[in-house]
Amino acid sequence: MVKVLLLIFFVSVGCTHRVNIVTPDPTYSKSRFEAIAQNNMVASQGEATTKATLEVLKSGGNIIDAFVVASFMISVERPQSTGIGGGGFLLYYNRSENKVYAFDFREMAPVLSKSGMFLSKNGSPQPLLSQEGPLAVATPGLVAGLFEIHQKFGKLPWGELIAPAIKLAREGFANYPHLSLAITDRKHLLAADPDAKKIFLDGAGQPRALGDLIIQEELARTLEEISIKGKDGFYKGKVAKSIVSTIQAKRGILTEKDLRDYKMKERLPVSATYKGLKIFSMPPPSSGGVHVIQILKMLEKHNLKKMGPQSVEAVHLTAQSMQRAFLDRSIYLGDPDFTDVPVSKLLDQKYLNELSDKIKTVKAIKAEELKLIPIPKESSETTHFSIADSDGNLVASTQTINGWFGSGVMAKGTGIILNNEMDDFAQQVGALNLFSAVGGEKNLIQPKKRPLSSMSPTIILKNNSPYMALGSPSGTRIITCVAQTILNAVEFEMPLLESVAATRIHQQWQPDKLKIEAPYLSPKVESELKLKGHDIVHEKLGCSIQAIQKMNPGWKGVSDPRGEGLALGN
């Protein structure tokens, strides 16, 4: 079991400030979470995933081959968080072209879905319908995304890249703490599905113990089908029929046509300059990139470095920038294929300057007092990994089935756990989802629409050269965790491990709470924040940043010490 110890770490940012961070227990090797290497670097939430991904780079594969290996491996190693029954996003920096690509293989609402499908007869939301069971399942996009991106950029044969995941699924791996926690939490769903039950529960119907082998033989056979037939091995034929028959037997609405018609989208990344760096992140239907940039740009003109990390004023301003960004999220963000999303205006310098002035207040702004500034009309459970190679290419990819074990539905005979991504749509304007995010009109359900996401894979260039790749799981907290890691590394000039491990805060407008994770801020700081009007709660935020930073020469990789991942390079 991975253990962590809460320590106080001192960093110098012009003057000495005390910064609370999470660090590995001294009895557990720090080298698991931090690595320095000359050629290639991988940081992921899975030990087996990191090792297999690095191996393909060492054996002649390119970074997209590594991306494919990592995606299939983490699908097997973290079935509670992601899988081929889900979807995700990829940000890819191609060094030879000096270009950042954004690929959207997010899930889509089935063609028979409709706005209001999760409301009762009296019009009230029924959140469990969008979180558990067959109606919660959106059309998966992961396999289509991996296959089409590999067709465009890959080097090694497709089947060769799936082989490590097949081996891991068939031979199994030891049950670890986070998976064990997820199994216990979703036991009621897993026990109701015979295929899931035999994998994750023991003969007595109890969660498998720590260290027990988790073997996924049916998933191994499904992966073999995909390795031979490409994406058709998932979206057509016996696997597709099994997915649909399982869903429809439970009175769900997914059809074979939904699977056949799924299309990955290549999109234009959102970008902005910050402190002399060029930041690229994921565009809508992810809200993450827009709001990571908004938070950073609102704070840029304020001298946070002089205030010091985790100081009252720095935390106050950071919380208010987060609050402001989440108000914009609830109003303006949705699937750009279905609604007008005014990205350029949300990132317009004049607009952000106005927001920056508005957040500088003596007292915390209450949610109900926060006024919308009109803009000109124009248009928790997840996983993330980051990869860098010896040619200077970068990959940042966040993937998910949404909640722990998604919908809890396993397609019969396939080992595929299906997502509950329909919960990321708004059931009605103002309704809350699994992460208490407020739903807006632009994110209401429509057939073939992609739900709004907070996933924020991010790539940063410095002097037109690769500088950083990072991202995280954890629903709406992804946005604030990624933004704070960048603030720590760039604004406060903290080393990468400390930038990742520092205590984080979260404010998402509604609920109007300032969440602070352990190790908490100093009692004096928290007391002064309360005097400013912040309603403080202590809560785990669930983020697990996987980050890579350019060194001279080589790379530094960090896997968040809050988790069970591994950073490794060569």
Protein backbone atom coordinates (compact mmCIF):
# COMPACT_ATOMS: atom_id res chain seq x y z
CA MET A 1 0.00 0.00 0.00
CA VAL A 2 1.28 3.45 -0.89
CA LYS A 3 1.57 5.66 2.16
CA VAL A 4 1.91 9.42 2.36
CA LEU A 5 3.14 11.60 5.18
CA LEU A 6 2.05 15.20 5.63
CA LEU A 7 5.16 17.35 5.98
CA ILE A 8 5.98 21.04 5.91
CA PHE A 9 8.35 21.99 3.11
CA PHE A 10 10.14 25.33 2.73
CA VAL A 11 10.63 26.88 -0.70
CA SER A 12 12.24 30.19 -1.57
CA VAL A 13 10.31 32.53 -3.84
CA GLY A 14 12.19 35.78 -3.40
CA CYS A 15 11.88 35.35 0.36
CA THR A 16 11.24 32.23 2.43
CA HIS A 17 7.60 31.18 2.68
CA ARG A 18 6.29 28.12 4.43
CA VAL A 19 4.40 25.87 2.05
CA ASN A 20 2.41 22.79 3.04
CA ILE A 21 2.93 19.84 0.73
CA VAL A 22 2.19 16.13 0.58
CA THR A 23 5.39 14.09 0.36
CA PRO A 24 6.04 10.35 0.18
CA ASP A 25 6.62 8.55 3.45
CA PRO A 26 10.42 8.27 3.97
CA THR A 27 10.01 4.48 4.15
CA TYR A 28 8.57 4.54 0.63
CA SER A 29 10.90 5.52 -2.21
CA LYS A 30 10.54 9.09 -3.47
CA SER A 31 11.82 7.82 -6.82
CA ARG A 32 8.35 6.41 -7.52
CA PHE A 33 6.92 9.91 -7.78
CA GLU A 34 9.80 11.86 -9.31
CA ALA A 35 12.19 10.93 -12.10
CA ILE A 36 14.87 12.71 -14.14
CA ALA A 37 16.01 11.32 -17.48
CA GLN A 38 17.77 12.37 -20.68
CA ASN A 39 15.58 10.82 -23.39
CA ASN A 40 11.99 9.76 -22.66
CA MET A 41 9.67 10.35 -19.72
CA VAL A 42 6.28 8.93 -18.68
CA ALA A 43 4.10 9.91 -15.73
CA SER A 44 0.88 7.96 -15.23
CA GLN A 45 -1.42 6.72 -12.49
CA GLY A 46 -0.44 3.10 -13.07
CA GLU A 47 2.88 1.39 -12.38
CA ALA A 48 2.41 -1.25 -15.08
CA THR A 49 1.17 1.44 -17.48
CA THR A 50 4.21 3.65 -17.01
CA LYS A 51 6.63 0.75 -17.47
CA ALA A 52 4.96 -0.60 -20.62
CA THR A 53 4.72 2.90 -22.13
CA LEU A 54 8.39 3.64 -21.54
CA GLU A 55 9.31 0.25 -22.98
CA VAL A 56 7.63 0.98 -26.33
CA LEU A 57 9.58 4.25 -26.60
CA LYS A 58 12.85 2.47 -25.80
CA SER A 59 12.11 -0.21 -28.41
CA GLY A 60 11.59 2.18 -31.31
CA GLY A 61 7.97 3.27 -31.06
CA ASN A 62 7.08 6.93 -31.41
CA ILE A 63 5.12 9.04 -28.92
CA ILE A 64 1.74 8.21 -30.46
CA ASP A 65 2.54 4.50 -30.21
CA ALA A 66 3.33 5.20 -26.55
CA PHE A 67 0.01 7.06 -26.18
CA VAL A 68 -1.87 4.02 -27.54
CA VAL A 69 -0.03 1.61 -25.22
CA ALA A 70 -0.66 3.86 -22.21
CA SER A 71 -4.37 4.21 -23.05
CA PHE A 72 -5.03 0.48 -23.32
CA MET A 73 -2.84 -0.35 -20.32
CA ILE A 74 -4.47 2.18 -18.00
CA SER A 75 -7.88 0.89 -19.16
CA VAL A 76 -6.92 -2.48 -17.71
CA GLU A 77 -5.00 -1.24 -14.67
CA ARG A 78 -7.55 1.37 -13.51
CA PRO A 79 -10.97 -0.11 -14.43
CA GLN A 80 -12.59 2.07 -11.78
CA SER A 81 -11.49 5.25 -13.56
CA THR A 82 -11.28 4.66 -17.29
CA GLY A 83 -11.61 2.04 -19.98
CA ILE A 84 -12.59 1.24 -23.53
CA GLY A 85 -16.21 1.79 -22.50
CA GLY A 86 -15.46 5.50 -22.03
CA GLY A 87 -13.73 8.37 -23.83
CA GLY A 88 -11.34 11.27 -23.44
CA PHE A 89 -9.14 13.95 -24.93
CA LEU A 90 -5.59 14.15 -26.30
CA LEU A 91 -3.32 17.15 -26.63
CA TYR A 92 -0.28 16.33 -28.80
CA TYR A 93 2.68 18.62 -29.46
CA ASN A 94 4.46 17.63 -32.67
CA ARG A 95 7.97 19.08 -32.40
CA SER A 96 8.85 18.76 -36.10
CA GLU A 97 5.75 20.78 -37.05
CA ASN A 98 5.90 22.98 -33.94
CA LYS A 99 2.15 22.39 -33.70
CA VAL A 100 -0.25 21.36 -30.94
CA TYR A 101 -3.08 19.03 -31.99
CA ALA A 102 -6.29 18.55 -29.98
CA PHE A 103 -8.32 15.36 -30.42
CA ASP A 104 -11.79 14.84 -28.95
CA PHE A 105 -12.93 11.25 -28.47
CA ARG A 106 -15.49 12.21 -25.85
CA GLU A 107 -18.65 10.12 -25.52
CA MET A 108 -21.85 11.16 -27.34
CA ALA A 109 -25.52 11.04 -26.32
CA PRO A 110 -27.39 8.17 -28.01
CA VAL A 111 -29.64 9.15 -30.90
CA LEU A 112 -32.76 8.21 -28.88
CA SER A 113 -31.81 10.47 -25.96
CA LYS A 114 -33.69 13.70 -25.30
CA SER A 115 -33.69 16.69 -23.02
CA GLY A 116 -35.62 15.95 -19.86
CA MET A 117 -35.10 12.18 -20.05
CA PHE A 118 -33.90 12.11 -16.43
CA LEU A 119 -36.73 14.22 -15.01
CA SER A 120 -39.69 12.82 -13.11
CA LYS A 121 -43.29 13.48 -14.16
CA ASN A 122 -43.36 16.56 -11.92
CA GLY A 123 -40.17 17.88 -13.55
CA SER A 124 -37.69 17.23 -10.74
CA PRO A 125 -34.23 15.74 -11.49
CA GLN A 126 -33.63 12.03 -10.85
CA PRO A 127 -29.83 11.99 -10.54
CA LEU A 128 -29.45 8.24 -10.01
CA LEU A 129 -30.87 7.56 -13.49
CA SER A 130 -27.95 9.45 -15.06
CA GLN A 131 -25.37 7.96 -12.70
CA GLU A 132 -26.24 4.26 -12.48
CA GLY A 133 -27.63 1.76 -14.96
CA PRO A 134 -28.28 1.61 -18.71
CA LEU A 135 -29.68 5.10 -19.32
CA ALA A 136 -26.47 6.61 -17.92
CA VAL A 137 -24.41 5.17 -20.80
CA ALA A 138 -23.29 7.45 -23.63
CA THR A 139 -21.72 6.15 -26.86
CA PRO A 140 -18.05 5.33 -26.04
CA GLY A 141 -15.33 7.09 -28.05
CA LEU A 142 -12.01 5.81 -26.70
CA VAL A 143 -11.29 3.00 -29.17
CA ALA A 144 -12.24 5.12 -32.19
CA GLY A 145 -9.98 7.91 -30.98
CA LEU A 146 -6.99 5.66 -30.36
CA PHE A 147 -7.38 3.89 -33.70
CA GLU A 148 -7.80 7.02 -35.82
CA ILE A 149 -4.96 8.91 -34.11
CA HIS A 150 -2.69 5.89 -34.58
CA GLN A 151 -3.67 5.70 -38.26
CA LYS A 152 -2.61 9.33 -38.64
CA PHE A 153 0.62 9.40 -36.60
CA GLY A 154 1.56 5.91 -35.37
CA LYS A 155 4.63 3.93 -36.38
CA LEU A 156 4.46 0.40 -34.94
CA PRO A 157 1.72 -2.11 -35.88
CA TRP A 158 -1.61 -1.56 -34.08
CA GLY A 159 -1.86 -5.09 -32.70
CA GLU A 160 1.63 -4.93 -31.22
CA LEU A 161 0.61 -1.92 -29.13
CA ILE A 162 -2.38 -3.68 -27.54
CA ALA A 163 -0.43 -6.82 -26.63
CA PRO A 164 0.85 -5.52 -23.24
CA ALA A 165 -2.72 -4.68 -22.13
CA ILE A 166 -3.97 -8.12 -23.21
CA LYS A 167 -1.20 -9.73 -21.16
CA LEU A 168 -2.00 -7.61 -18.09
CA ALA A 169 -5.74 -8.33 -18.32
CA ARG A 170 -5.12 -12.07 -18.66
CA GLU A 171 -2.40 -12.47 -16.03
CA GLY A 172 -3.83 -9.93 -13.63
CA PHE A 173 -2.37 -7.49 -11.14
CA ALA A 174 -2.58 -7.05 -7.38
CA ASN A 175 -5.56 -5.14 -6.01
CA TYR A 176 -4.31 -1.76 -4.72
CA PRO A 177 -5.79 0.79 -2.27
CA HIS A 178 -7.61 3.13 -4.67
CA LEU A 179 -9.17 0.27 -6.63
CA SER A 180 -10.14 -1.43 -3.36
CA LEU A 181 -11.82 1.76 -2.15
CA ALA A 182 -13.75 2.09 -5.40
CA ILE A 183 -14.89 -1.55 -5.30
CA THR A 184 -16.17 -1.07 -1.76
CA ASP A 185 -17.96 2.16 -2.66
CA ARG A 186 -19.68 0.67 -5.73
CA LYS A 187 -20.20 -2.81 -4.33
CA HIS A 188 -23.98 -2.57 -4.76
CA LEU A 189 -23.60 -2.00 -8.50
CA LEU A 190 -20.86 -4.58 -9.04
CA ALA A 191 -22.81 -7.22 -7.10
CA ALA A 192 -25.84 -6.69 -9.36
CA ASP A 193 -23.86 -7.52 -12.50
CA PRO A 194 -22.74 -11.19 -12.72
CA ASP A 195 -19.77 -10.44 -15.01
CA ALA A 196 -18.49 -7.59 -12.83
CA LYS A 197 -19.15 -9.51 -9.64
CA LYS A 198 -16.85 -12.41 -10.51
CA ILE A 199 -13.96 -10.01 -11.26
CA PHE A 200 -14.15 -7.56 -8.37
CA LEU A 201 -15.92 -9.48 -5.58
CA ASP A 202 -14.90 -12.74 -3.92
CA GLY A 203 -16.92 -15.94 -3.57
CA ALA A 204 -18.77 -14.53 -0.58
CA GLY A 205 -19.77 -11.41 -2.52
CA GLN A 206 -17.33 -9.16 -0.64
CA PRO A 207 -14.80 -6.75 -2.20
CA ARG A 208 -11.56 -8.48 -3.10
CA ALA A 209 -8.84 -7.95 -0.50
CA LEU A 210 -5.77 -5.82 -1.03
CA GLY A 211 -3.19 -7.87 -2.91
CA ASP A 212 -5.75 -10.23 -4.50
CA LEU A 213 -5.22 -10.78 -8.22
CA ILE A 214 -7.61 -8.84 -10.47
CA ILE A 215 -7.94 -10.95 -13.62
CA GLN A 216 -10.03 -9.75 -16.59
CA GLU A 217 -10.07 -12.66 -19.04
CA GLU A 218 -13.13 -11.51 -20.99
CA LEU A 219 -11.59 -8.05 -21.42
CA ALA A 220 -8.42 -9.74 -22.72
CA ARG A 221 -10.48 -11.49 -25.41
CA THR A 222 -12.20 -8.22 -26.35
CA LEU A 223 -8.82 -6.51 -26.66
CA GLU A 224 -7.66 -9.35 -28.92
CA GLU A 225 -10.66 -8.70 -31.16
CA ILE A 226 -9.75 -5.00 -31.32
CA SER A 227 -6.10 -5.77 -31.98
CA ILE A 228 -7.08 -7.83 -35.04
CA LYS A 229 -9.98 -5.78 -36.43
CA GLY A 230 -9.08 -2.26 -35.32
CA LYS A 231 -11.96 -0.04 -34.23
CA ASP A 232 -14.41 -2.37 -36.04
CA GLY A 233 -13.58 -4.92 -33.35
CA PHE A 234 -15.41 -2.63 -30.92
CA TYR A 235 -18.00 -0.71 -32.96
CA LYS A 236 -19.18 -3.59 -35.15
CA GLY A 237 -19.56 -7.35 -34.86
CA LYS A 238 -19.95 -9.43 -31.71
CA VAL A 239 -18.58 -6.88 -29.23
CA ALA A 240 -20.94 -4.16 -30.46
CA LYS A 241 -23.87 -6.60 -30.40
CA SER A 242 -23.04 -7.57 -26.82
CA ILE A 243 -22.84 -3.93 -25.69
CA VAL A 244 -26.19 -3.09 -27.24
CA SER A 245 -28.01 -6.27 -26.19
CA THR A 246 -26.84 -5.79 -22.58
CA ILE A 247 -28.03 -2.18 -22.54
CA GLN A 248 -31.37 -2.89 -24.21
CA ALA A 249 -32.07 -5.89 -21.98
CA LYS A 250 -31.88 -3.43 -19.09
CA ARG A 251 -34.20 -0.97 -20.92
CA GLY A 252 -31.46 1.34 -22.11
CA ILE A 253 -31.48 3.23 -25.41
CA LEU A 254 -27.99 2.72 -26.95
CA THR A 255 -28.18 1.17 -30.44
CA GLU A 256 -25.76 -0.44 -32.89
CA LYS A 257 -26.22 2.60 -35.11
CA ASP A 258 -24.92 4.83 -32.27
CA LEU A 259 -21.75 2.73 -32.20
CA ARG A 260 -21.34 2.57 -36.00
CA ASP A 261 -21.83 6.32 -36.40
CA TYR A 262 -19.41 7.47 -33.69
CA LYS A 263 -16.80 9.96 -34.97
CA MET A 264 -13.71 11.37 -33.31
CA LYS A 265 -13.22 15.13 -33.73
CA GLU A 266 -10.00 17.04 -34.32
CA ARG A 267 -10.35 20.49 -32.78
CA LEU A 268 -8.32 23.68 -32.44
CA PRO A 269 -6.74 23.92 -28.98
CA VAL A 270 -7.40 26.98 -26.85
CA SER A 271 -4.25 28.99 -26.20
CA ALA A 272 -2.94 32.11 -24.49
CA THR A 273 0.29 33.65 -23.29
CA TYR A 274 1.00 33.67 -19.56
CA LYS A 275 4.19 35.03 -17.95
CA GLY A 276 5.98 34.73 -21.30
CA LEU A 277 4.86 31.13 -21.85
CA LYS A 278 2.39 29.82 -24.46
CA ILE A 279 -0.28 27.66 -22.86
CA PHE A 280 -2.33 25.22 -24.94
CA SER A 281 -5.27 23.31 -23.51
CA MET A 282 -8.39 21.43 -24.50
CA PRO A 283 -11.22 23.38 -26.18
CA PRO A 284 -14.98 22.75 -25.78
CA PRO A 285 -16.71 20.41 -25.19
CA SER A 286 -14.09 20.51 -22.45
CA SER A 287 -14.50 23.57 -20.28
CA GLY A 288 -11.13 22.83 -18.73
CA GLY A 289 -8.81 24.65 -21.09
CA VAL A 290 -10.84 27.86 -21.21
CA HIS A 291 -11.08 28.11 -17.44
CA VAL A 292 -7.50 27.07 -16.63
CA ILE A 293 -6.43 29.97 -18.83
CA GLN A 294 -9.03 32.32 -17.36
CA ILE A 295 -7.84 31.61 -13.82
CA LEU A 296 -4.19 32.17 -14.73
CA LYS A 297 -4.87 35.33 -16.73
CA MET A 298 -7.07 36.86 -13.99
CA LEU A 299 -4.17 36.38 -11.57
CA GLU A 300 -1.34 37.42 -13.89
CA LYS A 301 -1.43 41.16 -13.15
CA HIS A 302 -1.53 40.60 -9.37
CA ASN A 303 1.88 40.08 -7.76
CA LEU A 304 1.19 36.72 -6.15
CA LYS A 305 4.89 35.93 -5.95
CA LYS A 306 5.42 38.89 -3.60
CA MET A 307 2.41 37.83 -1.51
CA GLY A 308 3.86 34.32 -1.22
CA PRO A 309 2.34 30.89 -1.87
CA GLN A 310 -0.46 29.96 0.53
CA SER A 311 -0.58 33.50 1.92
CA VAL A 312 -3.98 34.98 2.80
CA GLU A 313 -4.00 37.40 -0.13
CA ALA A 314 -2.74 34.86 -2.69
CA VAL A 315 -5.33 32.27 -1.64
CA HIS A 316 -8.09 34.93 -1.52
CA LEU A 317 -7.38 36.11 -5.08
CA THR A 318 -6.92 32.57 -6.41
CA ALA A 319 -10.24 31.43 -4.91
CA GLN A 320 -12.05 34.42 -6.40
CA SER A 321 -10.59 33.79 -9.85
CA MET A 322 -11.79 30.18 -9.64
CA GLN A 323 -15.27 31.30 -8.56
CA ARG A 324 -15.50 33.72 -11.46
CA ALA A 325 -14.38 31.12 -14.02
CA PHE A 326 -16.99 28.61 -12.84
CA LEU A 327 -19.77 31.17 -13.24
CA ASP A 328 -18.72 31.56 -16.88
CA ARG A 329 -18.61 27.77 -17.19
CA SER A 330 -22.24 27.40 -16.13
CA ILE A 331 -23.44 30.02 -18.63
CA TYR A 332 -21.33 29.82 -21.77
CA LEU A 333 -19.86 26.31 -22.16
CA GLY A 334 -21.23 23.35 -24.11
CA ASP A 335 -20.61 21.22 -27.21
CA PRO A 336 -19.53 23.64 -30.00
CA ASP A 337 -21.12 21.36 -32.58
CA PHE A 338 -24.53 22.17 -31.08
CA THR A 339 -24.25 25.58 -29.50
CA ASP A 340 -22.40 28.86 -29.87
CA VAL A 341 -19.48 28.84 -27.39
CA PRO A 342 -17.78 32.28 -27.31
CA VAL A 343 -14.25 30.99 -26.62
CA SER A 344 -12.35 33.92 -28.12
CA LYS A 345 -14.39 36.41 -26.11
CA LEU A 346 -14.01 34.46 -22.87
CA LEU A 347 -10.23 34.61 -23.42
CA ASP A 348 -10.17 38.18 -24.71
CA GLN A 349 -7.54 40.23 -22.86
CA LYS A 350 -9.87 43.19 -22.25
CA TYR A 351 -12.53 40.91 -20.76
CA LEU A 352 -9.98 39.11 -18.58
CA ASN A 353 -8.54 42.44 -17.40
CA GLU A 354 -12.02 43.46 -16.29
CA LEU A 355 -12.47 40.18 -14.44
CA SER A 356 -9.02 40.61 -12.86
CA ASP A 357 -10.05 44.00 -11.47
CA LYS A 358 -13.32 42.57 -10.15
CA ILE A 359 -11.66 39.79 -8.09
CA LYS A 360 -9.50 42.22 -6.10
CA THR A 361 -11.86 42.81 -3.19
CA VAL A 362 -11.34 43.07 0.57
CA LYS A 363 -14.07 40.55 1.31
CA ALA A 364 -14.96 37.31 -0.43
CA ILE A 365 -17.65 37.77 -3.06
CA LYS A 366 -20.68 35.66 -2.26
CA ALA A 367 -22.08 33.47 -5.05
CA GLU A 368 -25.41 35.29 -5.13
CA GLU A 369 -23.62 38.66 -5.38
CA LEU A 370 -21.45 37.64 -8.30
CA LYS A 371 -22.62 39.63 -11.28
CA LEU A 372 -22.34 38.41 -14.83
CA ILE A 373 -20.20 40.71 -16.96
CA PRO A 374 -21.72 40.58 -20.46
CA ILE A 375 -19.36 39.60 -23.25
CA PRO A 376 -19.82 40.65 -26.86
CA LYS A 377 -21.88 38.12 -28.82
CA GLU A 378 -19.83 35.68 -30.87
CA SER A 379 -19.61 32.24 -31.04
CA SER A 380 -14.50 12.59 -10.59
CA GLU A 381 -13.26 9.83 -11.71
CA THR A 382 -10.87 9.92 -14.56
CA THR A 383 -7.22 9.25 -15.32
CA HIS A 384 -4.42 11.26 -16.87
CA PHE A 385 -0.97 10.53 -18.24
CA SER A 386 1.79 12.68 -19.73
CA ILE A 387 4.58 11.54 -22.07
CA ALA A 388 7.70 13.20 -23.50
CA ASP A 389 10.17 11.70 -25.95
CA SER A 390 13.77 12.29 -27.00
CA ASP A 391 12.66 14.32 -30.04
CA GLY A 392 10.84 16.89 -27.92
CA ASN A 393 7.30 15.69 -28.63
CA LEU A 394 4.72 15.89 -25.82
CA VAL A 395 1.46 14.10 -25.06
CA ALA A 396 -1.12 15.01 -22.41
CA SER A 397 -4.21 12.80 -22.33
CA THR A 398 -7.13 12.64 -19.91
CA GLN A 399 -9.55 9.71 -20.21
CA THR A 400 -12.59 8.57 -18.25
CA ILE A 401 -15.68 6.48 -17.69
CA ASN A 402 -16.85 9.30 -15.34
CA GLY A 403 -17.81 8.00 -11.86
CA TRP A 404 -16.17 5.02 -10.17
CA PHE A 405 -16.95 2.03 -12.43
CA GLY A 406 -19.06 4.32 -14.61
CA SER A 407 -22.66 3.15 -14.96
CA GLY A 408 -21.85 -0.12 -13.21
CA VAL A 409 -23.03 -1.97 -16.34
CA MET A 410 -20.61 -4.49 -17.85
CA ALA A 411 -21.37 -5.59 -21.41
CA LYS A 412 -22.02 -9.31 -21.14
CA GLY A 413 -19.08 -11.51 -22.11
CA THR A 414 -16.79 -8.58 -23.00
CA GLY A 415 -15.28 -7.33 -19.72
CA ILE A 416 -16.16 -3.77 -20.81
CA ILE A 417 -17.39 -1.47 -18.04
CA LEU A 418 -19.62 1.15 -19.65
CA ASN A 419 -19.46 4.84 -18.75
CA ASN A 420 -22.07 6.99 -16.99
CA GLU A 421 -21.20 10.05 -19.05
CA MET A 422 -24.84 11.10 -19.49
CA ASP A 423 -24.51 12.56 -15.99
CA ASP A 424 -22.17 15.21 -17.40
CA PHE A 425 -25.09 16.76 -19.26
CA ALA A 426 -27.41 19.17 -17.47
CA GLN A 427 -30.67 17.41 -16.55
CA GLN A 428 -32.25 20.86 -16.46
CA VAL A 429 -30.90 24.40 -16.17
CA GLY A 430 -29.53 24.84 -12.65
CA ALA A 431 -29.44 21.12 -11.77
CA LEU A 432 -26.30 19.67 -10.19
CA ASN A 433 -24.31 16.71 -11.46
CA LEU A 434 -22.11 14.15 -9.66
CA PHE A 435 -19.49 16.87 -8.97
CA SER A 436 -22.09 19.52 -7.90
CA ALA A 437 -21.44 21.48 -11.10
CA VAL A 438 -24.34 23.70 -12.09
CA GLY A 439 -25.94 22.81 -15.41
CA GLY A 440 -26.49 25.47 -18.05
CA GLU A 441 -28.81 25.62 -21.04
CA LYS A 442 -25.96 24.98 -23.50
CA ASN A 443 -25.26 21.63 -21.85
CA LEU A 444 -28.78 20.18 -22.01
CA ILE A 445 -29.09 16.72 -23.58
CA GLN A 446 -29.46 16.40 -27.36
CA PRO A 447 -28.94 13.32 -29.57
CA LYS A 448 -25.30 12.91 -30.67
CA LYS A 449 -24.21 15.80 -28.46
CA ARG A 450 -21.05 15.57 -26.34
CA PRO A 451 -21.41 16.45 -22.65
CA LEU A 452 -19.43 19.27 -21.10
CA SER A 453 -16.23 18.13 -19.42
CA SER A 454 -13.67 19.55 -17.00
CA MET A 455 -10.78 17.46 -18.35
CA SER A 456 -7.82 19.78 -18.90
CA PRO A 457 -4.85 18.14 -20.63
CA THR A 458 -2.41 21.03 -21.00
CA ILE A 459 0.85 21.62 -22.87
CA ILE A 460 3.10 24.65 -22.31
CA LEU A 461 5.79 25.99 -24.63
CA LYS A 462 8.65 28.26 -23.61
CA ASN A 463 10.52 30.20 -26.29
CA ASN A 464 8.68 28.10 -28.89
CA SER A 465 10.08 24.88 -27.37
CA PRO A 466 8.49 22.18 -25.18
CA TYR A 467 8.33 23.14 -21.51
CA MET A 468 5.58 21.22 -19.68
CA ALA A 469 2.78 18.69 -20.11
CA LEU A 470 0.27 18.01 -17.34
CA GLY A 471 -3.26 17.06 -16.39
CA SER A 472 -5.30 15.32 -13.71
CA PRO A 473 -8.46 13.35 -12.92
CA SER A 474 -11.19 14.51 -10.49
CA GLY A 475 -14.14 16.16 -12.21
CA THR A 476 -14.50 19.91 -11.78
CA ARG A 477 -11.45 19.96 -9.47
CA ILE A 478 -9.26 19.16 -12.48
CA ILE A 479 -9.47 22.79 -13.63
CA THR A 480 -8.30 24.28 -10.35
CA CYS A 481 -5.66 21.60 -9.67
CA VAL A 482 -4.05 22.10 -13.08
CA ALA A 483 -4.15 25.90 -12.74
CA GLN A 484 -2.57 25.76 -9.26
CA THR A 485 0.21 23.44 -10.40
CA ILE A 486 1.08 25.91 -13.17
CA LEU A 487 0.93 28.81 -10.69
CA ASN A 488 3.27 27.01 -8.31
CA ALA A 489 5.81 26.15 -11.01
CA VAL A 490 5.70 29.44 -12.96
CA GLU A 491 4.56 32.19 -10.58
CA PHE A 492 6.14 30.87 -7.38
CA GLU A 493 9.07 29.09 -9.10
CA MET A 494 8.66 25.94 -7.02
CA PRO A 495 10.33 22.68 -8.11
CA LEU A 496 7.98 20.40 -10.02
CA LEU A 497 7.46 17.83 -7.26
CA GLU A 498 6.59 20.55 -4.76
CA SER A 499 4.39 22.31 -7.35
CA VAL A 500 2.39 19.11 -7.66
CA ALA A 501 2.43 18.17 -3.98
CA ALA A 502 1.50 21.55 -2.46
CA THR A 503 -1.81 21.87 -0.62
CA ARG A 504 -4.61 22.74 -3.03
CA ILE A 505 -7.78 24.78 -2.75
CA HIS A 506 -10.97 24.69 -4.81
CA GLN A 507 -13.82 27.16 -5.33
CA GLN A 508 -16.41 26.46 -8.05
CA TRP A 509 -19.00 29.22 -7.46
CA GLN A 510 -21.73 26.76 -6.47
CA PRO A 511 -21.63 25.42 -3.81
CA ASP A 512 -20.15 28.63 -2.43
CA LYS A 513 -17.41 26.94 -0.39
CA LEU A 514 -13.64 27.34 -0.27
CA LYS A 515 -12.44 23.75 -0.12
CA ILE A 516 -8.98 23.11 1.32
CA GLU A 517 -7.31 19.70 1.28
CA ALA A 518 -4.90 18.22 3.80
CA PRO A 519 -2.31 19.23 4.88
CA TYR A 520 -4.45 22.28 5.56
CA LEU A 521 -3.25 25.85 5.41
CA SER A 522 -1.93 27.35 8.64
CA PRO A 523 -4.58 28.15 11.30
CA LYS A 524 -3.66 31.84 11.05
CA VAL A 525 -4.18 31.92 7.27
CA GLU A 526 -7.46 30.02 7.46
CA SER A 527 -8.70 32.26 10.27
CA GLU A 528 -7.97 35.40 8.23
CA LEU A 529 -9.65 33.88 5.16
CA LYS A 530 -12.77 33.30 7.26
CA LEU A 531 -12.67 36.94 8.38
CA LYS A 532 -12.66 37.85 4.69
CA GLY A 533 -15.92 35.91 4.32
CA HIS A 534 -14.72 32.61 2.87
CA ASP A 535 -16.77 29.60 3.96
CA ILE A 536 -13.98 27.06 4.48
CA VAL A 537 -14.44 23.30 4.42
CA HIS A 538 -11.72 20.67 4.66
CA GLU A 539 -12.17 18.08 1.94
CA LYS A 540 -10.15 15.70 -0.24
CA LEU A 541 -10.06 17.05 -3.79
CA GLY A 542 -9.07 13.80 -5.49
CA CYS A 543 -6.67 15.27 -8.03
CA SER A 544 -3.66 13.24 -9.14
CA ILE A 545 -1.47 15.46 -11.33
CA GLN A 546 0.81 13.70 -13.81
CA ALA A 547 3.36 16.25 -15.04
CA ILE A 548 6.52 16.45 -17.14
CA GLN A 549 8.83 19.48 -17.30
CA LYS A 550 11.75 20.19 -19.64
CA MET A 551 15.16 20.22 -18.00
CA ASN A 552 18.42 21.23 -19.61
CA PRO A 553 19.08 18.60 -20.83
CA GLY A 554 16.36 15.96 -20.53
CA TRP A 555 13.09 15.81 -18.59
CA LYS A 556 11.72 15.75 -15.07
CA GLY A 557 8.58 13.70 -14.49
CA VAL A 558 6.30 13.74 -11.44
CA SER A 559 3.43 11.44 -10.54
CA ASP A 560 1.33 12.98 -7.78
CA PRO A 561 2.39 11.56 -4.37
CA ARG A 562 -1.29 11.52 -3.37
CA GLY A 563 -1.75 8.55 -5.67
CA GLU A 564 -0.28 5.22 -6.70
CA GLY A 565 1.25 6.19 -10.01
CA LEU A 566 4.81 6.13 -11.29
CA ALA A 567 7.11 8.56 -13.09
CA LEU A 568 9.87 6.86 -15.05
CA GLY A 569 12.30 7.78 -17.80
CA ASN A 570 15.43 6.66 -19.58
